[in-house]
Amino acid sequence: MRLGLQLGYWGRGPDPRHLELAREAERLGYDSVWTAEAWGSDAFTALAWIGAHTSRIKLGTGIAQMAARTPTATAMHALTLDHLSGGRLLLGLGLSGPQVVEGWYGRPFPKSPLTATREYVDVIRQVLRREGPVVSEGSFHPLPYPGPDGTGLGKPLKPITHPLRAHLPVLLGAEGPRNIAQTARIADGWLPLYWSPRRTDVYQASLAHAPDGFLIAPMARALVCDDVAEGLLPVKAMLGFYIGGMGHAAKNFHADLMARMGFEEEARRVQRLFLEGRKEEAVLAVPDAFADEISLVGPRARIAERLESWRAGPVTDLLVTAPDPHTLRVLAELNS
C-alpha cells in the first residue's frame, strides 16, 4: 500500500503549510500529493505550484469537478501539467452534487450521471490518445456542438499539443454502487470519500470486475496524538459538513453513503440538525465509532495496529490528510 498526502482545498486563503508538507512527503517517500476544489480555490493551479517545487512525487487532483470545465478543457489542463511535471499527473475527477453544480457553476445536474461521466471520460481519453479529431455524439458533451442555438460552423479538432502520455491515469470519485461499478469499467482507479477497512463488503459487488492494477485510493484523516476523542473532532467536523451541508434534505449522496455503511439513523440525525442551523450539535452527533473507522487517530501504537487493517484490504493508495510533519513521518515509518 502506497501513501499519498491529501491537501484538499483552501479555506479562507492559501494554507502556508501545504508546500512544506508536500516537500516533506516527497522526502519521506510518499508516492503522491493531492489537491481538491469546492467553490473557492481550484485544484490545478495549486497542484502546478507544488509540482514546480518538487521533483519526484506524483501530482493528483482529488478531485477536479467535471462541471467546472468541459472535458476538452480538463484534458488541456491535464496534458499541460503532465508535460510540465515530467509525467507525474494523476487525473482525479468527480461530478459533485446538484447544489454545487447548479448553485455555483450554473449548469443543470445531469439527469443521467453515469452517462455524463462516461461521455466526459471518453472525450478526455480521445484528447490524450490524439489519434484523430475529437468527436462525441453523446447528449451531455457533444462535439462538435450540434444545438439549435449554435452556428453550425464547429469542426472536429485534434489537439495541437502532443500529450506526453496517451494513457495518463484517470481516477473517479464515486459513491453510489452503480457509479462505482462503472468506475471499475472505464477508469484507472477509484477515489472513495469514506472507506472503512471493517466494511469492505459494502463495495465488494461494485468492484467485482475491477481489472488488475485498478487503483483504490481512499482519503483518511491521520493524527498522532494522545487524546483520541479530541483527535477525532476534525474528522467529525468534516463529516458533519459533508453529511449535513453538502446536499439537500431529499438528495444528499454523502448522507446516503453513511447510511449504507450502517449508520443510517445517525446520518439522518446529523443531516437534520445541520439543516436546522444547529451545526455544532450536528458535529457532536457524528458517532465517534464511524469517525474512528475511516481515520487513523491516536498514539503511535494504536495507529500501527489499525494501519494493518488498511494494508490487509484492497486499498492500493492511502491518501492521508495530516496536519503536521510528525504524523507524516510516523506513517512513513509504520508503512515501510
C-alpha atoms as a PDB file:
ATOM      1  CA  MET A   1       0.000   0.000   0.000  1.00  0.00           C
ATOM      2  CA  ARG A   2       1.441   3.326  -1.080  1.00  0.00           C
ATOM      3  CA  LEU A   3       0.990   6.531   0.879  1.00  0.00           C
ATOM      4  CA  GLY A   4      -0.247   9.811  -0.537  1.00  0.00           C
ATOM      5  CA  LEU A   5      -0.762  13.236   1.014  1.00  0.00           C
ATOM      6  CA  GLN A   6      -4.213  14.783   0.551  1.00  0.00           C
ATOM      7  CA  LEU A   7      -4.075  18.566   0.981  1.00  0.00           C
ATOM      8  CA  GLY A   8      -7.686  19.247  -0.005  1.00  0.00           C
ATOM      9  CA  TYR A   9      -8.827  22.722  -0.973  1.00  0.00           C
ATOM     10  CA  TRP A  10      -8.091  26.078   0.637  1.00  0.00           C
ATOM     11  CA  GLY A  11     -10.247  27.618   3.293  1.00  0.00           C
ATOM     12  CA  ARG A  12     -10.276  31.388   3.693  1.00  0.00           C
ATOM     13  CA  GLY A  13      -6.904  31.626   1.957  1.00  0.00           C
ATOM     14  CA  PRO A  14      -3.837  29.616   0.964  1.00  0.00           C
ATOM     15  CA  ASP A  15      -2.537  27.359   3.710  1.00  0.00           C
ATOM     16  CA  PRO A  16       1.145  28.240   4.235  1.00  0.00           C
ATOM     17  CA  ARG A  17       1.828  24.688   5.486  1.00  0.00           C
ATOM     18  CA  HIS A  18       0.881  22.942   2.258  1.00  0.00           C
ATOM     19  CA  LEU A  19       4.137  23.369   0.351  1.00  0.00           C
ATOM     20  CA  GLU A  20       6.187  22.361   3.395  1.00  0.00           C
ATOM     21  CA  LEU A  21       4.051  19.258   3.894  1.00  0.00           C
ATOM     22  CA  ALA A  22       4.315  18.313   0.209  1.00  0.00           C
ATOM     23  CA  ARG A  23       8.092  18.624   0.268  1.00  0.00           C
ATOM     24  CA  GLU A  24       8.305  16.600   3.458  1.00  0.00           C
ATOM     25  CA  ALA A  25       6.054  13.919   1.988  1.00  0.00           C
ATOM     26  CA  GLU A  26       8.331  13.669  -1.042  1.00  0.00           C
ATOM     27  CA  ARG A  27      11.403  13.415   1.193  1.00  0.00           C
ATOM     28  CA  LEU A  28       9.746  10.635   3.205  1.00  0.00           C
ATOM     29  CA  GLY A  29       8.971   8.608   0.104  1.00  0.00           C
ATOM     30  CA  TYR A  30       5.252   9.307  -0.251  1.00  0.00           C
ATOM     31  CA  ASP A  31       4.062   8.321  -3.700  1.00  0.00           C
ATOM     32  CA  SER A  32       1.635  11.189  -4.378  1.00  0.00           C
ATOM     33  CA  VAL A  33       0.240  14.537  -3.248  1.00  0.00           C
ATOM     34  CA  TRP A  34      -3.345  15.623  -3.985  1.00  0.00           C
ATOM     35  CA  THR A  35      -5.336  18.852  -4.168  1.00  0.00           C
ATOM     36  CA  ALA A  36      -9.082  19.415  -4.367  1.00  0.00           C
ATOM     37  CA  GLU A  37     -11.648  22.075  -5.200  1.00  0.00           C
ATOM     38  CA  ALA A  38     -15.141  23.005  -3.991  1.00  0.00           C
ATOM     39  CA  TRP A  39     -16.246  26.614  -4.553  1.00  0.00           C
ATOM     40  CA  GLY A  40     -13.055  28.521  -3.794  1.00  0.00           C
ATOM     41  CA  SER A  41      -9.533  27.514  -4.814  1.00  0.00           C
ATOM     42  CA  ASP A  42      -9.129  25.349  -7.901  1.00  0.00           C
ATOM     43  CA  ALA A  43      -7.279  22.034  -7.976  1.00  0.00           C
ATOM     44  CA  PHE A  44      -4.896  22.526 -10.918  1.00  0.00           C
ATOM     45  CA  THR A  45      -3.202  25.824 -10.022  1.00  0.00           C
ATOM     46  CA  ALA A  46      -2.208  24.756  -6.509  1.00  0.00           C
ATOM     47  CA  LEU A  47      -1.009  21.419  -7.865  1.00  0.00           C
ATOM     48  CA  ALA A  48       1.143  23.135 -10.504  1.00  0.00           C
ATOM     49  CA  TRP A  49       2.745  25.268  -7.782  1.00  0.00           C
ATOM     50  CA  ILE A  50       3.557  22.165  -5.749  1.00  0.00           C
ATOM     51  CA  GLY A  51       4.858  20.415  -8.840  1.00  0.00           C
ATOM     52  CA  ALA A  52       7.262  23.296  -9.500  1.00  0.00           C
ATOM     53  CA  HIS A  53       8.740  22.866  -6.023  1.00  0.00           C
ATOM     54  CA  THR A  54       9.066  19.063  -6.072  1.00  0.00           C
ATOM     55  CA  SER A  55      10.733  16.624  -8.441  1.00  0.00           C
ATOM     56  CA  ARG A  56       9.509  13.063  -7.930  1.00  0.00           C
ATOM     57  CA  ILE A  57       6.192  12.854  -6.113  1.00  0.00           C
ATOM     58  CA  LYS A  58       3.107  12.223  -8.270  1.00  0.00           C
ATOM     59  CA  LEU A  59       0.551  15.032  -8.533  1.00  0.00           C
ATOM     60  CA  GLY A  60      -3.126  14.174  -8.168  1.00  0.00           C
ATOM     61  CA  THR A  61      -6.347  16.147  -8.484  1.00  0.00           C
ATOM     62  CA  GLY A  62      -8.604  14.706  -5.832  1.00  0.00           C
ATOM     63  CA  ILE A  63     -10.936  15.827  -7.109  1.00  0.00           C
ATOM     64  CA  ALA A  64     -11.361  18.200 -10.038  1.00  0.00           C
ATOM     65  CA  GLN A  65     -15.051  18.887 -10.607  1.00  0.00           C
ATOM     66  CA  MET A  66     -16.412  17.976 -14.017  1.00  0.00           C
ATOM     67  CA  ALA A  67     -18.959  20.794 -14.043  1.00  0.00           C
ATOM     68  CA  ALA A  68     -16.147  23.351 -13.722  1.00  0.00           C
ATOM     69  CA  ARG A  69     -14.748  22.633 -17.186  1.00  0.00           C
ATOM     70  CA  THR A  70     -15.683  20.999 -20.438  1.00  0.00           C
ATOM     71  CA  PRO A  71     -13.933  17.654 -20.902  1.00  0.00           C
ATOM     72  CA  THR A  72     -11.621  19.129 -23.539  1.00  0.00           C
ATOM     73  CA  ALA A  73     -10.632  21.947 -21.155  1.00  0.00           C
ATOM     74  CA  THR A  74      -9.893  19.396 -18.443  1.00  0.00           C
ATOM     75  CA  ALA A  75      -7.826  17.392 -20.923  1.00  0.00           C
ATOM     76  CA  MET A  76      -5.856  20.560 -21.764  1.00  0.00           C
ATOM     77  CA  HIS A  77      -5.140  21.154 -18.066  1.00  0.00           C
ATOM     78  CA  ALA A  78      -4.067  17.544 -17.695  1.00  0.00           C
ATOM     79  CA  LEU A  79      -1.763  17.315 -20.696  1.00  0.00           C
ATOM     80  CA  THR A  80      -0.166  20.675 -19.859  1.00  0.00           C
ATOM     81  CA  LEU A  81       0.573  19.812 -16.231  1.00  0.00           C
ATOM     82  CA  ASP A  82       1.704  16.312 -17.185  1.00  0.00           C
ATOM     83  CA  HIS A  83       4.289  17.806 -19.567  1.00  0.00           C
ATOM     84  CA  LEU A  84       5.494  20.421 -17.064  1.00  0.00           C
ATOM     85  CA  SER A  85       5.863  17.845 -14.281  1.00  0.00           C
ATOM     86  CA  GLY A  86       7.592  15.198 -16.382  1.00  0.00           C
ATOM     87  CA  GLY A  87       4.693  12.754 -16.405  1.00  0.00           C
ATOM     88  CA  ARG A  88       3.620  12.931 -12.773  1.00  0.00           C
ATOM     89  CA  LEU A  89      -0.083  13.754 -13.085  1.00  0.00           C
ATOM     90  CA  LEU A  90      -2.934  11.592 -11.774  1.00  0.00           C
ATOM     91  CA  LEU A  91      -6.243  12.987 -13.010  1.00  0.00           C
ATOM     92  CA  GLY A  92      -8.956  12.570 -10.392  1.00  0.00           C
ATOM     93  CA  LEU A  93     -12.461  13.680 -11.416  1.00  0.00           C
ATOM     94  CA  GLY A  94     -15.878  13.873  -9.794  1.00  0.00           C
ATOM     95  CA  LEU A  95     -19.393  15.076 -10.583  1.00  0.00           C
ATOM     96  CA  SER A  96     -20.011  16.830  -7.236  1.00  0.00           C
ATOM     97  CA  GLY A  97     -23.721  17.263  -6.457  1.00  0.00           C
ATOM     98  CA  PRO A  98     -26.741  19.264  -7.632  1.00  0.00           C
ATOM     99  CA  GLN A  99     -26.268  22.010  -5.044  1.00  0.00           C
ATOM    100  CA  VAL A 100     -22.756  22.819  -6.287  1.00  0.00           C
ATOM    101  CA  VAL A 101     -23.277  22.117  -9.990  1.00  0.00           C
ATOM    102  CA  GLU A 102     -26.413  24.252 -10.241  1.00  0.00           C
ATOM    103  CA  GLY A 103     -25.707  26.734  -7.440  1.00  0.00           C
ATOM    104  CA  TRP A 104     -22.065  27.507  -8.221  1.00  0.00           C
ATOM    105  CA  TYR A 105     -21.454  26.520 -11.832  1.00  0.00           C
ATOM    106  CA  GLY A 106     -24.914  27.450 -13.098  1.00  0.00           C
ATOM    107  CA  ARG A 107     -25.360  24.239 -15.019  1.00  0.00           C
ATOM    108  CA  PRO A 108     -28.029  21.554 -14.761  1.00  0.00           C
ATOM    109  CA  PHE A 109     -27.039  18.489 -12.791  1.00  0.00           C
ATOM    110  CA  PRO A 110     -27.154  15.625 -15.302  1.00  0.00           C
ATOM    111  CA  LYS A 111     -30.302  13.529 -15.206  1.00  0.00           C
ATOM    112  CA  SER A 112     -28.138  10.521 -16.017  1.00  0.00           C
ATOM    113  CA  PRO A 113     -24.914  10.983 -14.012  1.00  0.00           C
ATOM    114  CA  LEU A 114     -23.420   7.707 -15.208  1.00  0.00           C
ATOM    115  CA  THR A 115     -23.869   8.596 -18.868  1.00  0.00           C
ATOM    116  CA  ALA A 116     -22.497  12.115 -18.336  1.00  0.00           C
ATOM    117  CA  THR A 117     -19.428  10.707 -16.578  1.00  0.00           C
ATOM    118  CA  ARG A 118     -18.858   8.100 -19.263  1.00  0.00           C
ATOM    119  CA  GLU A 119     -19.015  10.704 -22.041  1.00  0.00           C
ATOM    120  CA  TYR A 120     -16.688  13.057 -20.120  1.00  0.00           C
ATOM    121  CA  VAL A 121     -14.044  10.377 -19.649  1.00  0.00           C
ATOM    122  CA  ASP A 122     -14.329   9.243 -23.275  1.00  0.00           C
ATOM    123  CA  VAL A 123     -13.626  12.750 -24.586  1.00  0.00           C
ATOM    124  CA  ILE A 124     -10.596  13.100 -22.305  1.00  0.00           C
ATOM    125  CA  ARG A 125      -9.268   9.730 -23.472  1.00  0.00           C
ATOM    126  CA  GLN A 126      -9.660  10.828 -27.109  1.00  0.00           C
ATOM    127  CA  VAL A 127      -7.681  14.020 -26.489  1.00  0.00           C
ATOM    128  CA  LEU A 128      -4.873  12.154 -24.739  1.00  0.00           C
ATOM    129  CA  ARG A 129      -4.643   9.432 -27.399  1.00  0.00           C
ATOM    130  CA  ARG A 130      -4.548  12.070 -30.172  1.00  0.00           C
ATOM    131  CA  GLU A 131      -5.446   9.515 -32.818  1.00  0.00           C
ATOM    132  CA  GLY A 132      -7.701  11.928 -34.688  1.00  0.00           C
ATOM    133  CA  PRO A 133     -10.125  14.840 -34.311  1.00  0.00           C
ATOM    134  CA  VAL A 134     -12.174  14.600 -31.139  1.00  0.00           C
ATOM    135  CA  VAL A 135     -15.838  13.785 -31.740  1.00  0.00           C
ATOM    136  CA  SER A 136     -18.682  12.799 -29.473  1.00  0.00           C
ATOM    137  CA  GLU A 137     -22.297  12.066 -30.297  1.00  0.00           C
ATOM    138  CA  GLY A 138     -23.293  11.999 -26.640  1.00  0.00           C
ATOM    139  CA  SER A 139     -26.138  14.014 -25.200  1.00  0.00           C
ATOM    140  CA  PHE A 140     -24.127  15.718 -22.447  1.00  0.00           C
ATOM    141  CA  HIS A 141     -20.799  16.547 -24.137  1.00  0.00           C
ATOM    142  CA  PRO A 142     -21.403  16.534 -27.907  1.00  0.00           C
ATOM    143  CA  LEU A 143     -18.545  17.552 -30.176  1.00  0.00           C
ATOM    144  CA  PRO A 144     -18.876  19.468 -32.423  1.00  0.00           C
ATOM    145  CA  TYR A 145     -21.763  21.270 -30.762  1.00  0.00           C
ATOM    146  CA  PRO A 146     -24.991  20.449 -32.672  1.00  0.00           C
ATOM    147  CA  GLY A 147     -27.511  22.534 -30.724  1.00  0.00           C
ATOM    148  CA  PRO A 148     -30.115  24.764 -32.393  1.00  0.00           C
ATOM    149  CA  ASP A 149     -28.543  27.853 -30.798  1.00  0.00           C
ATOM    150  CA  GLY A 150     -25.165  27.136 -32.419  1.00  0.00           C
ATOM    151  CA  THR A 151     -23.798  28.442 -35.718  1.00  0.00           C
ATOM    152  CA  GLY A 152     -23.294  25.024 -37.259  1.00  0.00           C
ATOM    153  CA  LEU A 153     -19.697  26.011 -38.059  1.00  0.00           C
ATOM    154  CA  GLY A 154     -17.993  23.883 -35.433  1.00  0.00           C
ATOM    155  CA  LYS A 155     -15.493  21.346 -36.748  1.00  0.00           C
ATOM    156  CA  PRO A 156     -13.799  18.373 -35.080  1.00  0.00           C
ATOM    157  CA  LEU A 157     -10.351  19.336 -33.837  1.00  0.00           C
ATOM    158  CA  LYS A 158      -7.245  17.413 -32.916  1.00  0.00           C
ATOM    159  CA  PRO A 159      -5.123  18.750 -30.024  1.00  0.00           C
ATOM    160  CA  ILE A 160      -2.230  20.890 -31.232  1.00  0.00           C
ATOM    161  CA  THR A 161      -0.016  19.736 -28.375  1.00  0.00           C
ATOM    162  CA  HIS A 162       1.072  16.106 -28.373  1.00  0.00           C
ATOM    163  CA  PRO A 163       0.241  14.701 -24.918  1.00  0.00           C
ATOM    164  CA  LEU A 164       3.186  13.277 -23.026  1.00  0.00           C
ATOM    165  CA  ARG A 165       1.226  10.134 -22.069  1.00  0.00           C
ATOM    166  CA  ALA A 166      -1.673   8.689 -24.017  1.00  0.00           C
ATOM    167  CA  HIS A 167      -2.641   6.596 -21.003  1.00  0.00           C
ATOM    168  CA  LEU A 168      -2.425   9.194 -18.269  1.00  0.00           C
ATOM    169  CA  PRO A 169      -4.252   7.640 -15.265  1.00  0.00           C
ATOM    170  CA  VAL A 170      -7.848   8.785 -14.755  1.00  0.00           C
ATOM    171  CA  LEU A 171      -9.480   8.175 -11.374  1.00  0.00           C
ATOM    172  CA  LEU A 172     -13.077   8.902 -10.435  1.00  0.00           C
ATOM    173  CA  GLY A 173     -14.715   9.937  -7.205  1.00  0.00           C
ATOM    174  CA  ALA A 174     -17.860   7.799  -6.990  1.00  0.00           C
ATOM    175  CA  GLU A 175     -20.216   6.935  -4.144  1.00  0.00           C
ATOM    176  CA  GLY A 176     -23.263   5.039  -5.419  1.00  0.00           C
ATOM    177  CA  PRO A 177     -22.969   1.288  -6.179  1.00  0.00           C
ATOM    178  CA  ARG A 178     -23.687   1.660  -9.923  1.00  0.00           C
ATOM    179  CA  ASN A 179     -21.322   4.618 -10.197  1.00  0.00           C
ATOM    180  CA  ILE A 180     -18.531   2.636  -8.515  1.00  0.00           C
ATOM    181  CA  ALA A 181     -19.156  -0.332 -10.793  1.00  0.00           C
ATOM    182  CA  GLN A 182     -18.912   1.921 -13.850  1.00  0.00           C
ATOM    183  CA  THR A 183     -15.724   3.459 -12.455  1.00  0.00           C
ATOM    184  CA  ALA A 184     -14.173  -0.015 -12.355  1.00  0.00           C
ATOM    185  CA  ARG A 185     -15.030  -0.388 -16.054  1.00  0.00           C
ATOM    186  CA  ILE A 186     -13.980   2.980 -17.517  1.00  0.00           C
ATOM    187  CA  ALA A 187     -11.325   4.431 -15.194  1.00  0.00           C
ATOM    188  CA  ASP A 188      -7.891   3.512 -13.913  1.00  0.00           C
ATOM    189  CA  GLY A 189      -8.823   3.982 -10.289  1.00  0.00           C
ATOM    190  CA  TRP A 190     -11.383   4.999  -7.703  1.00  0.00           C
ATOM    191  CA  LEU A 191     -11.245   7.768  -5.080  1.00  0.00           C
ATOM    192  CA  PRO A 192     -13.629   6.748  -2.250  1.00  0.00           C
ATOM    193  CA  LEU A 193     -14.785   9.542   0.007  1.00  0.00           C
ATOM    194  CA  TYR A 194     -15.210   7.325   3.076  1.00  0.00           C
ATOM    195  CA  TRP A 195     -13.513   3.975   3.473  1.00  0.00           C
ATOM    196  CA  SER A 196     -13.754   1.665   6.446  1.00  0.00           C
ATOM    197  CA  PRO A 197     -11.425  -1.348   6.400  1.00  0.00           C
ATOM    198  CA  ARG A 198     -14.044  -3.085   8.551  1.00  0.00           C
ATOM    199  CA  ARG A 199     -16.770  -2.727   5.913  1.00  0.00           C
ATOM    200  CA  THR A 200     -15.149  -3.557   2.596  1.00  0.00           C
ATOM    201  CA  ASP A 201     -18.172  -5.747   1.835  1.00  0.00           C
ATOM    202  CA  VAL A 202     -20.117  -2.520   1.161  1.00  0.00           C
ATOM    203  CA  TYR A 203     -18.162  -2.174  -2.091  1.00  0.00           C
ATOM    204  CA  GLN A 204     -17.413  -5.803  -2.918  1.00  0.00           C
ATOM    205  CA  ALA A 205     -20.104  -6.288  -5.558  1.00  0.00           C
ATOM    206  CA  SER A 206     -19.369  -2.958  -7.266  1.00  0.00           C
ATOM    207  CA  LEU A 207     -15.665  -3.771  -7.535  1.00  0.00           C
ATOM    208  CA  ALA A 208     -16.117  -7.406  -8.568  1.00  0.00           C
ATOM    209  CA  HIS A 209     -14.975  -6.773 -12.145  1.00  0.00           C
ATOM    210  CA  ALA A 210     -12.212  -4.251 -11.467  1.00  0.00           C
ATOM    211  CA  PRO A 211      -9.184  -5.063 -13.664  1.00  0.00           C
ATOM    212  CA  ASP A 212      -5.707  -5.886 -12.430  1.00  0.00           C
ATOM    213  CA  GLY A 213      -3.831  -2.745 -11.465  1.00  0.00           C
ATOM    214  CA  PHE A 214      -7.011  -0.824 -10.633  1.00  0.00           C
ATOM    215  CA  LEU A 215      -6.224   1.841  -8.033  1.00  0.00           C
ATOM    216  CA  ILE A 216      -8.307   2.209  -4.864  1.00  0.00           C
ATOM    217  CA  ALA A 217      -7.226   5.401  -3.139  1.00  0.00           C
ATOM    218  CA  PRO A 218      -9.377   6.461  -0.169  1.00  0.00           C
ATOM    219  CA  MET A 219      -8.771   9.546   1.948  1.00  0.00           C
ATOM    220  CA  ALA A 220      -8.241   9.271   5.711  1.00  0.00           C
ATOM    221  CA  ARG A 221      -7.523  11.867   8.367  1.00  0.00           C
ATOM    222  CA  ALA A 222      -4.336  10.970  10.267  1.00  0.00           C
ATOM    223  CA  LEU A 223      -3.055  12.447  13.529  1.00  0.00           C
ATOM    224  CA  VAL A 224      -0.585  11.148  16.090  1.00  0.00           C
ATOM    225  CA  CYS A 225      -1.944  12.303  19.434  1.00  0.00           C
ATOM    226  CA  ASP A 226      -2.653  11.088  22.967  1.00  0.00           C
ATOM    227  CA  ASP A 227      -6.342  12.021  23.181  1.00  0.00           C
ATOM    228  CA  VAL A 228      -8.309  10.012  20.603  1.00  0.00           C
ATOM    229  CA  ALA A 229     -11.618  11.802  21.241  1.00  0.00           C
ATOM    230  CA  GLU A 230     -10.012  15.195  20.728  1.00  0.00           C
ATOM    231  CA  GLY A 231      -8.149  13.985  17.663  1.00  0.00           C
ATOM    232  CA  LEU A 232     -11.410  12.818  16.094  1.00  0.00           C
ATOM    233  CA  LEU A 233     -13.062  16.240  16.342  1.00  0.00           C
ATOM    234  CA  PRO A 234     -11.741  17.464  12.945  1.00  0.00           C
ATOM    235  CA  VAL A 235     -12.999  14.217  11.383  1.00  0.00           C
ATOM    236  CA  LYS A 236     -16.421  14.746  12.918  1.00  0.00           C
ATOM    237  CA  ALA A 237     -16.445  18.366  11.757  1.00  0.00           C
ATOM    238  CA  MET A 238     -15.701  17.244   8.200  1.00  0.00           C
ATOM    239  CA  LEU A 239     -18.398  14.578   8.344  1.00  0.00           C
ATOM    240  CA  GLY A 240     -20.932  16.994   9.820  1.00  0.00           C
ATOM    241  CA  PHE A 241     -20.299  19.453   6.977  1.00  0.00           C
ATOM    242  CA  TYR A 242     -20.452  16.862   4.197  1.00  0.00           C
ATOM    243  CA  ILE A 243     -23.381  14.888   5.574  1.00  0.00           C
ATOM    244  CA  GLY A 244     -25.339  17.940   6.640  1.00  0.00           C
ATOM    245  CA  GLY A 245     -24.241  20.765   4.388  1.00  0.00           C
ATOM    246  CA  MET A 246     -23.123  19.245   1.076  1.00  0.00           C
ATOM    247  CA  GLY A 247     -26.564  18.357  -0.155  1.00  0.00           C
ATOM    248  CA  HIS A 248     -30.311  18.807   0.065  1.00  0.00           C
ATOM    249  CA  ALA A 249     -32.573  17.141   2.612  1.00  0.00           C
ATOM    250  CA  ALA A 250     -34.036  14.977  -0.151  1.00  0.00           C
ATOM    251  CA  LYS A 251     -30.804  14.356  -2.096  1.00  0.00           C
ATOM    252  CA  ASN A 252     -27.503  14.007  -0.268  1.00  0.00           C
ATOM    253  CA  PHE A 253     -25.055  11.441  -1.622  1.00  0.00           C
ATOM    254  CA  HIS A 254     -22.803  11.696   1.452  1.00  0.00           C
ATOM    255  CA  ALA A 255     -25.606  11.004   3.922  1.00  0.00           C
ATOM    256  CA  ASP A 256     -26.778   8.094   1.765  1.00  0.00           C
ATOM    257  CA  LEU A 257     -23.265   6.610   1.795  1.00  0.00           C
ATOM    258  CA  MET A 258     -23.015   6.820   5.583  1.00  0.00           C
ATOM    259  CA  ALA A 259     -26.406   5.101   5.790  1.00  0.00           C
ATOM    260  CA  ARG A 260     -25.209   2.259   3.530  1.00  0.00           C
ATOM    261  CA  MET A 261     -22.220   1.830   5.827  1.00  0.00           C
ATOM    262  CA  GLY A 262     -24.502   1.002   8.756  1.00  0.00           C
ATOM    263  CA  PHE A 263     -25.177   4.403  10.297  1.00  0.00           C
ATOM    264  CA  GLU A 264     -28.485   5.377   8.717  1.00  0.00           C
ATOM    265  CA  GLU A 265     -30.237   6.728  11.811  1.00  0.00           C
ATOM    266  CA  GLU A 266     -27.181   8.726  12.833  1.00  0.00           C
ATOM    267  CA  ALA A 267     -26.712  10.108   9.313  1.00  0.00           C
ATOM    268  CA  ARG A 268     -30.288  11.408   9.160  1.00  0.00           C
ATOM    269  CA  ARG A 269     -29.947  13.000  12.596  1.00  0.00           C
ATOM    270  CA  VAL A 270     -26.727  14.793  11.624  1.00  0.00           C
ATOM    271  CA  GLN A 271     -28.356  15.976   8.411  1.00  0.00           C
ATOM    272  CA  ARG A 272     -31.465  17.223  10.203  1.00  0.00           C
ATOM    273  CA  LEU A 273     -29.502  19.129  12.851  1.00  0.00           C
ATOM    274  CA  PHE A 274     -27.260  20.775  10.246  1.00  0.00           C
ATOM    275  CA  LEU A 275     -30.165  21.844   8.061  1.00  0.00           C
ATOM    276  CA  GLU A 276     -31.885  23.324  11.135  1.00  0.00           C
ATOM    277  CA  GLY A 277     -28.844  25.543  11.679  1.00  0.00           C
ATOM    278  CA  ARG A 278     -27.642  23.585  14.716  1.00  0.00           C
ATOM    279  CA  LYS A 279     -24.208  22.948  13.239  1.00  0.00           C
ATOM    280  CA  GLU A 280     -22.295  22.360  16.481  1.00  0.00           C
ATOM    281  CA  GLU A 281     -24.870  19.815  17.565  1.00  0.00           C
ATOM    282  CA  ALA A 282     -24.637  18.161  14.152  1.00  0.00           C
ATOM    283  CA  VAL A 283     -20.880  17.716  14.518  1.00  0.00           C
ATOM    284  CA  LEU A 284     -21.223  16.274  18.015  1.00  0.00           C
ATOM    285  CA  ALA A 285     -23.928  13.899  16.748  1.00  0.00           C
ATOM    286  CA  VAL A 286     -21.479  12.235  14.361  1.00  0.00           C
ATOM    287  CA  PRO A 287     -20.722   8.874  16.015  1.00  0.00           C
ATOM    288  CA  ASP A 288     -17.161   8.531  17.282  1.00  0.00           C
ATOM    289  CA  ALA A 289     -17.237   4.938  16.030  1.00  0.00           C
ATOM    290  CA  PHE A 290     -17.838   5.992  12.430  1.00  0.00           C
ATOM    291  CA  ALA A 291     -15.272   8.811  12.526  1.00  0.00           C
ATOM    292  CA  ASP A 292     -12.738   6.402  14.024  1.00  0.00           C
ATOM    293  CA  GLU A 293     -13.296   3.703  11.406  1.00  0.00           C
ATOM    294  CA  ILE A 294     -12.439   5.990   8.499  1.00  0.00           C
ATOM    295  CA  SER A 295      -9.388   7.660  10.075  1.00  0.00           C
ATOM    296  CA  LEU A 296      -6.069   6.931  11.783  1.00  0.00           C
ATOM    297  CA  VAL A 297      -6.010   8.864  15.035  1.00  0.00           C
ATOM    298  CA  GLY A 298      -4.308   8.279  18.377  1.00  0.00           C
ATOM    299  CA  PRO A 299      -0.947   7.240  19.836  1.00  0.00           C
ATOM    300  CA  ARG A 300       1.654   5.644  17.575  1.00  0.00           C
ATOM    301  CA  ALA A 301       0.966   2.099  18.800  1.00  0.00           C
ATOM    302  CA  ARG A 302      -2.771   2.460  18.153  1.00  0.00           C
ATOM    303  CA  ILE A 303      -2.195   3.806  14.640  1.00  0.00           C
ATOM    304  CA  ALA A 304       0.277   0.988  13.928  1.00  0.00           C
ATOM    305  CA  GLU A 305      -2.302  -1.625  14.895  1.00  0.00           C
ATOM    306  CA  ARG A 306      -5.093  -0.031  12.873  1.00  0.00           C
ATOM    307  CA  LEU A 307      -2.894   0.596   9.838  1.00  0.00           C
ATOM    308  CA  GLU A 308      -2.540  -3.166   9.416  1.00  0.00           C
ATOM    309  CA  SER A 309      -6.247  -3.492   8.652  1.00  0.00           C
ATOM    310  CA  TRP A 310      -5.893  -0.889   5.888  1.00  0.00           C
ATOM    311  CA  ARG A 311      -2.889  -2.729   4.458  1.00  0.00           C
ATOM    312  CA  ALA A 312      -4.685  -6.089   4.557  1.00  0.00           C
ATOM    313  CA  GLY A 313      -7.537  -4.984   2.277  1.00  0.00           C
ATOM    314  CA  PRO A 314      -7.777  -3.916  -1.367  1.00  0.00           C
ATOM    315  CA  VAL A 315      -6.564  -0.338  -0.834  1.00  0.00           C
ATOM    316  CA  THR A 316      -3.613   0.432  -3.106  1.00  0.00           C
ATOM    317  CA  ASP A 317      -3.016   4.057  -2.056  1.00  0.00           C
ATOM    318  CA  LEU A 318      -3.907   5.596   1.305  1.00  0.00           C
ATOM    319  CA  LEU A 319      -4.297   9.364   0.915  1.00  0.00           C
ATOM    320  CA  VAL A 320      -3.800  10.903   4.345  1.00  0.00           C
ATOM    321  CA  THR A 321      -4.795  14.364   5.455  1.00  0.00           C
ATOM    322  CA  ALA A 322      -2.147  15.039   8.073  1.00  0.00           C
ATOM    323  CA  PRO A 323      -1.726  18.484   9.643  1.00  0.00           C
ATOM    324  CA  ASP A 324       1.899  18.113  10.752  1.00  0.00           C
ATOM    325  CA  PRO A 325       5.225  16.655   9.545  1.00  0.00           C
ATOM    326  CA  HIS A 326       5.481  14.408  12.624  1.00  0.00           C
ATOM    327  CA  THR A 327       2.361  12.464  11.653  1.00  0.00           C
ATOM    328  CA  LEU A 328       3.662  12.109   8.091  1.00  0.00           C
ATOM    329  CA  ARG A 329       6.951  10.705   9.405  1.00  0.00           C
ATOM    330  CA  VAL A 330       5.271   8.221  11.751  1.00  0.00           C
ATOM    331  CA  LEU A 331       3.049   6.873   8.979  1.00  0.00           C
ATOM    332  CA  ALA A 332       6.010   6.551   6.606  1.00  0.00           C
ATOM    333  CA  GLU A 333       7.917   4.579   9.233  1.00  0.00           C
ATOM    334  CA  LEU A 334       4.965   2.314  10.040  1.00  0.00           C
ATOM    335  CA  ASN A 335       4.205   1.626   6.371  1.00  0.00           C
ATOM    336  CA  SER A 336       7.780   0.860   5.348  1.00  0.00           C
END
